[in-house]
Amino acid sequence: MKLECGEIDTPLGALRFASSSGRVFGLAFADVWAALARALVRRLGRLEFCAAHDAGDLIARLDAFFAGDLATLDGVEIALVGTSFQRQVWTALRAVPAGATTSYGALARAIGAGTAVRAVGAANAANPVWLI
């Protein structure tokens, strides 16, 4: 599989991304990019990373987000690459409105796993598209 990669300067530092077919597979700051790339290879198998040719919409949305438009990332398509449990958690997390907060307990209850609070926390820690 081929993933197109790019980078955007943000107020917090350089943010790198990997996408394919209009879906974002991963986001990471430059200092932890190598770890994310390794995690994507573990999850997806053999990957070819190449320069992004048409990431204008994603870059524009990320720029808008860092300029204060929190809802701009709602329309970004993501690839949910993880375990079934992780995908459930990440889907529930995307339902939280931009700028709102929730708890791991609330997310666990939302996916019908009320006692899996620590597992929900671990799933969030493993989220390769954490910002979106």
C-alpha atoms as a PDB file:
ATOM      1  CA  MET A   1       0.000   0.000   0.000  1.00  0.00           C
ATOM      2  CA  LYS A   2       1.168   3.519  -0.776  1.00  0.00           C
ATOM      3  CA  LEU A   3       0.684   6.335   1.739  1.00  0.00           C
ATOM      4  CA  GLU A   4       1.174   9.926   0.683  1.00  0.00           C
ATOM      5  CA  CYS A   5       2.927  11.994   3.337  1.00  0.00           C
ATOM      6  CA  GLY A   6       3.165  15.703   3.921  1.00  0.00           C
ATOM      7  CA  GLU A   7       3.970  18.222   6.593  1.00  0.00           C
ATOM      8  CA  ILE A   8       2.452  21.442   7.858  1.00  0.00           C
ATOM      9  CA  ASP A   9       3.936  24.003  10.221  1.00  0.00           C
ATOM     10  CA  THR A  10       1.658  24.640  13.196  1.00  0.00           C
ATOM     11  CA  PRO A  11       1.969  26.843  16.267  1.00  0.00           C
ATOM     12  CA  LEU A  12       2.962  23.659  18.129  1.00  0.00           C
ATOM     13  CA  GLY A  13       5.589  22.493  15.638  1.00  0.00           C
ATOM     14  CA  ALA A  14       5.792  20.549  12.396  1.00  0.00           C
ATOM     15  CA  LEU A  15       2.854  18.142  11.986  1.00  0.00           C
ATOM     16  CA  ARG A  16       3.225  15.279   9.532  1.00  0.00           C
ATOM     17  CA  PHE A  17       0.416  13.272   7.986  1.00  0.00           C
ATOM     18  CA  ALA A  18      -0.072  10.114   5.934  1.00  0.00           C
ATOM     19  CA  SER A  19      -3.080   9.642   3.670  1.00  0.00           C
ATOM     20  CA  SER A  20      -4.376   7.515   0.834  1.00  0.00           C
ATOM     21  CA  SER A  21      -7.468   7.777  -1.356  1.00  0.00           C
ATOM     22  CA  GLY A  22      -8.613  10.890   0.515  1.00  0.00           C
ATOM     23  CA  ARG A  23      -8.467   9.257   3.959  1.00  0.00           C
ATOM     24  CA  VAL A  24      -5.993  10.166   6.702  1.00  0.00           C
ATOM     25  CA  PHE A  25      -4.167   7.181   8.183  1.00  0.00           C
ATOM     26  CA  GLY A  26      -1.939   9.026  10.626  1.00  0.00           C
ATOM     27  CA  LEU A  27      -0.889  12.354  12.116  1.00  0.00           C
ATOM     28  CA  ALA A  28       2.136  13.002  14.295  1.00  0.00           C
ATOM     29  CA  PHE A  29       4.477  15.778  15.217  1.00  0.00           C
ATOM     30  CA  ALA A  30       7.845  15.464  13.513  1.00  0.00           C
ATOM     31  CA  ASP A  31       9.640  14.349  16.682  1.00  0.00           C
ATOM     32  CA  VAL A  32       7.443  11.236  17.011  1.00  0.00           C
ATOM     33  CA  TRP A  33       6.752  10.578  13.325  1.00  0.00           C
ATOM     34  CA  ALA A  34       9.089   7.555  13.157  1.00  0.00           C
ATOM     35  CA  ALA A  35       7.123   5.794  15.903  1.00  0.00           C
ATOM     36  CA  LEU A  36       3.828   6.404  14.097  1.00  0.00           C
ATOM     37  CA  ALA A  37       5.282   5.171  10.804  1.00  0.00           C
ATOM     38  CA  ARG A  38       6.403   1.958  12.548  1.00  0.00           C
ATOM     39  CA  ALA A  39       2.936   1.535  14.082  1.00  0.00           C
ATOM     40  CA  LEU A  40       1.296   1.950  10.668  1.00  0.00           C
ATOM     41  CA  VAL A  41       3.604  -0.698   9.200  1.00  0.00           C
ATOM     42  CA  ARG A  42       2.719  -3.064  12.073  1.00  0.00           C
ATOM     43  CA  ARG A  43      -0.993  -2.499  11.449  1.00  0.00           C
ATOM     44  CA  LEU A  44      -1.020  -2.458   7.657  1.00  0.00           C
ATOM     45  CA  GLY A  45       1.986  -4.502   6.596  1.00  0.00           C
ATOM     46  CA  ARG A  46       4.381  -3.376   3.912  1.00  0.00           C
ATOM     47  CA  LEU A  47       3.975   0.318   3.108  1.00  0.00           C
ATOM     48  CA  GLU A  48       5.479   2.732   0.646  1.00  0.00           C
ATOM     49  CA  PHE A  49       5.672   6.297   1.917  1.00  0.00           C
ATOM     50  CA  CYS A  50       5.830   8.990  -0.769  1.00  0.00           C
ATOM     51  CA  ALA A  51       5.329  12.738  -1.022  1.00  0.00           C
ATOM     52  CA  ALA A  52       1.722  13.922  -1.005  1.00  0.00           C
ATOM     53  CA  HIS A  53       0.629  15.309  -4.369  1.00  0.00           C
ATOM     54  CA  ASP A  54      -2.833  16.633  -3.557  1.00  0.00           C
ATOM     55  CA  ALA A  55      -3.256  17.315   0.143  1.00  0.00           C
ATOM     56  CA  GLY A  56      -4.503  20.870  -0.255  1.00  0.00           C
ATOM     57  CA  ASP A  57      -7.859  20.268   1.405  1.00  0.00           C
ATOM     58  CA  LEU A  58      -6.307  18.560   4.432  1.00  0.00           C
ATOM     59  CA  ILE A  59      -3.653  21.244   4.780  1.00  0.00           C
ATOM     60  CA  ALA A  60      -6.288  23.983   4.482  1.00  0.00           C
ATOM     61  CA  ARG A  61      -8.407  22.287   7.144  1.00  0.00           C
ATOM     62  CA  LEU A  62      -5.432  21.885   9.493  1.00  0.00           C
ATOM     63  CA  ASP A  63      -4.500  25.541   8.970  1.00  0.00           C
ATOM     64  CA  ALA A  64      -8.102  26.545   9.735  1.00  0.00           C
ATOM     65  CA  PHE A  65      -8.132  24.353  12.844  1.00  0.00           C
ATOM     66  CA  PHE A  66      -5.001  25.973  14.239  1.00  0.00           C
ATOM     67  CA  ALA A  67      -6.482  29.380  13.378  1.00  0.00           C
ATOM     68  CA  GLY A  68      -9.453  28.591  15.656  1.00  0.00           C
ATOM     69  CA  ASP A  69     -12.023  26.803  13.465  1.00  0.00           C
ATOM     70  CA  LEU A  70     -12.351  23.666  15.601  1.00  0.00           C
ATOM     71  CA  ALA A  71     -15.176  22.138  13.562  1.00  0.00           C
ATOM     72  CA  THR A  72     -13.219  22.186  10.287  1.00  0.00           C
ATOM     73  CA  LEU A  73     -11.766  18.726  10.932  1.00  0.00           C
ATOM     74  CA  ASP A  74     -15.218  17.122  11.264  1.00  0.00           C
ATOM     75  CA  GLY A  75     -15.398  16.520   7.511  1.00  0.00           C
ATOM     76  CA  VAL A  76     -11.975  14.898   7.197  1.00  0.00           C
ATOM     77  CA  GLU A  77     -12.198  11.231   6.277  1.00  0.00           C
ATOM     78  CA  ILE A  78     -10.045   8.888   8.334  1.00  0.00           C
ATOM     79  CA  ALA A  79      -8.957   5.300   8.011  1.00  0.00           C
ATOM     80  CA  LEU A  80      -9.763   3.403  11.187  1.00  0.00           C
ATOM     81  CA  VAL A  81      -6.796   1.057  11.329  1.00  0.00           C
ATOM     82  CA  GLY A  82      -6.835  -0.790  14.627  1.00  0.00           C
ATOM     83  CA  THR A  83      -8.549  -3.529  16.552  1.00  0.00           C
ATOM     84  CA  SER A  84     -12.325  -3.798  16.581  1.00  0.00           C
ATOM     85  CA  PHE A  85     -12.379  -2.317  20.089  1.00  0.00           C
ATOM     86  CA  GLN A  86     -10.120   0.584  19.088  1.00  0.00           C
ATOM     87  CA  ARG A  87     -12.297   1.343  16.075  1.00  0.00           C
ATOM     88  CA  GLN A  88     -15.383   1.445  18.331  1.00  0.00           C
ATOM     89  CA  VAL A  89     -13.646   3.869  20.694  1.00  0.00           C
ATOM     90  CA  TRP A  90     -12.376   6.086  17.878  1.00  0.00           C
ATOM     91  CA  THR A  91     -15.814   6.191  16.265  1.00  0.00           C
ATOM     92  CA  ALA A  92     -17.381   7.222  19.575  1.00  0.00           C
ATOM     93  CA  LEU A  93     -14.667   9.815  20.044  1.00  0.00           C
ATOM     94  CA  ARG A  94     -15.477  11.403  16.688  1.00  0.00           C
ATOM     95  CA  ALA A  95     -19.052  11.865  17.915  1.00  0.00           C
ATOM     96  CA  VAL A  96     -17.819  14.238  20.638  1.00  0.00           C
ATOM     97  CA  PRO A  97     -18.394  17.788  19.339  1.00  0.00           C
ATOM     98  CA  ALA A  98     -15.317  19.878  18.570  1.00  0.00           C
ATOM     99  CA  GLY A  99     -14.233  21.792  21.668  1.00  0.00           C
ATOM    100  CA  ALA A 100     -16.235  19.571  24.031  1.00  0.00           C
ATOM    101  CA  THR A 101     -14.717  17.232  26.569  1.00  0.00           C
ATOM    102  CA  THR A 102     -15.673  13.785  27.739  1.00  0.00           C
ATOM    103  CA  SER A 103     -14.250  11.106  29.982  1.00  0.00           C
ATOM    104  CA  TYR A 104     -12.920   7.635  29.316  1.00  0.00           C
ATOM    105  CA  GLY A 105     -15.817   6.346  31.405  1.00  0.00           C
ATOM    106  CA  ALA A 106     -18.368   8.132  29.230  1.00  0.00           C
ATOM    107  CA  LEU A 107     -16.722   6.761  26.084  1.00  0.00           C
ATOM    108  CA  ALA A 108     -16.713   3.257  27.580  1.00  0.00           C
ATOM    109  CA  ARG A 109     -20.428   3.524  28.320  1.00  0.00           C
ATOM    110  CA  ALA A 110     -21.106   4.926  24.835  1.00  0.00           C
ATOM    111  CA  ILE A 111     -19.697   1.771  23.240  1.00  0.00           C
ATOM    112  CA  GLY A 112     -21.440  -0.569  25.686  1.00  0.00           C
ATOM    113  CA  ALA A 113     -18.295  -1.457  27.633  1.00  0.00           C
ATOM    114  CA  GLY A 114     -18.848   0.508  30.828  1.00  0.00           C
ATOM    115  CA  THR A 115     -16.119  -1.232  32.806  1.00  0.00           C
ATOM    116  CA  ALA A 116     -13.448  -0.908  30.107  1.00  0.00           C
ATOM    117  CA  VAL A 117     -12.323   2.561  31.171  1.00  0.00           C
ATOM    118  CA  ARG A 118      -8.600   1.771  31.137  1.00  0.00           C
ATOM    119  CA  ALA A 119      -8.898  -0.005  27.781  1.00  0.00           C
ATOM    120  CA  VAL A 120     -10.609   3.083  26.361  1.00  0.00           C
ATOM    121  CA  GLY A 121      -7.688   5.170  27.627  1.00  0.00           C
ATOM    122  CA  ALA A 122      -5.242   2.797  25.955  1.00  0.00           C
ATOM    123  CA  ALA A 123      -7.215   2.966  22.696  1.00  0.00           C
ATOM    124  CA  ASN A 124      -7.060   6.750  22.803  1.00  0.00           C
ATOM    125  CA  ALA A 125      -3.309   6.598  23.386  1.00  0.00           C
ATOM    126  CA  ALA A 126      -2.975   4.417  20.280  1.00  0.00           C
ATOM    127  CA  ASN A 127      -5.132   6.668  18.082  1.00  0.00           C
ATOM    128  CA  PRO A 128      -3.069   7.431  14.952  1.00  0.00           C
ATOM    129  CA  VAL A 129      -5.368  10.308  13.934  1.00  0.00           C
ATOM    130  CA  TRP A 130      -5.726  11.803  17.406  1.00  0.00           C
ATOM    131  CA  LEU A 131      -6.319  15.406  16.304  1.00  0.00           C
ATOM    132  CA  ILE A 132      -9.100  14.534  13.878  1.00  0.00           C
END
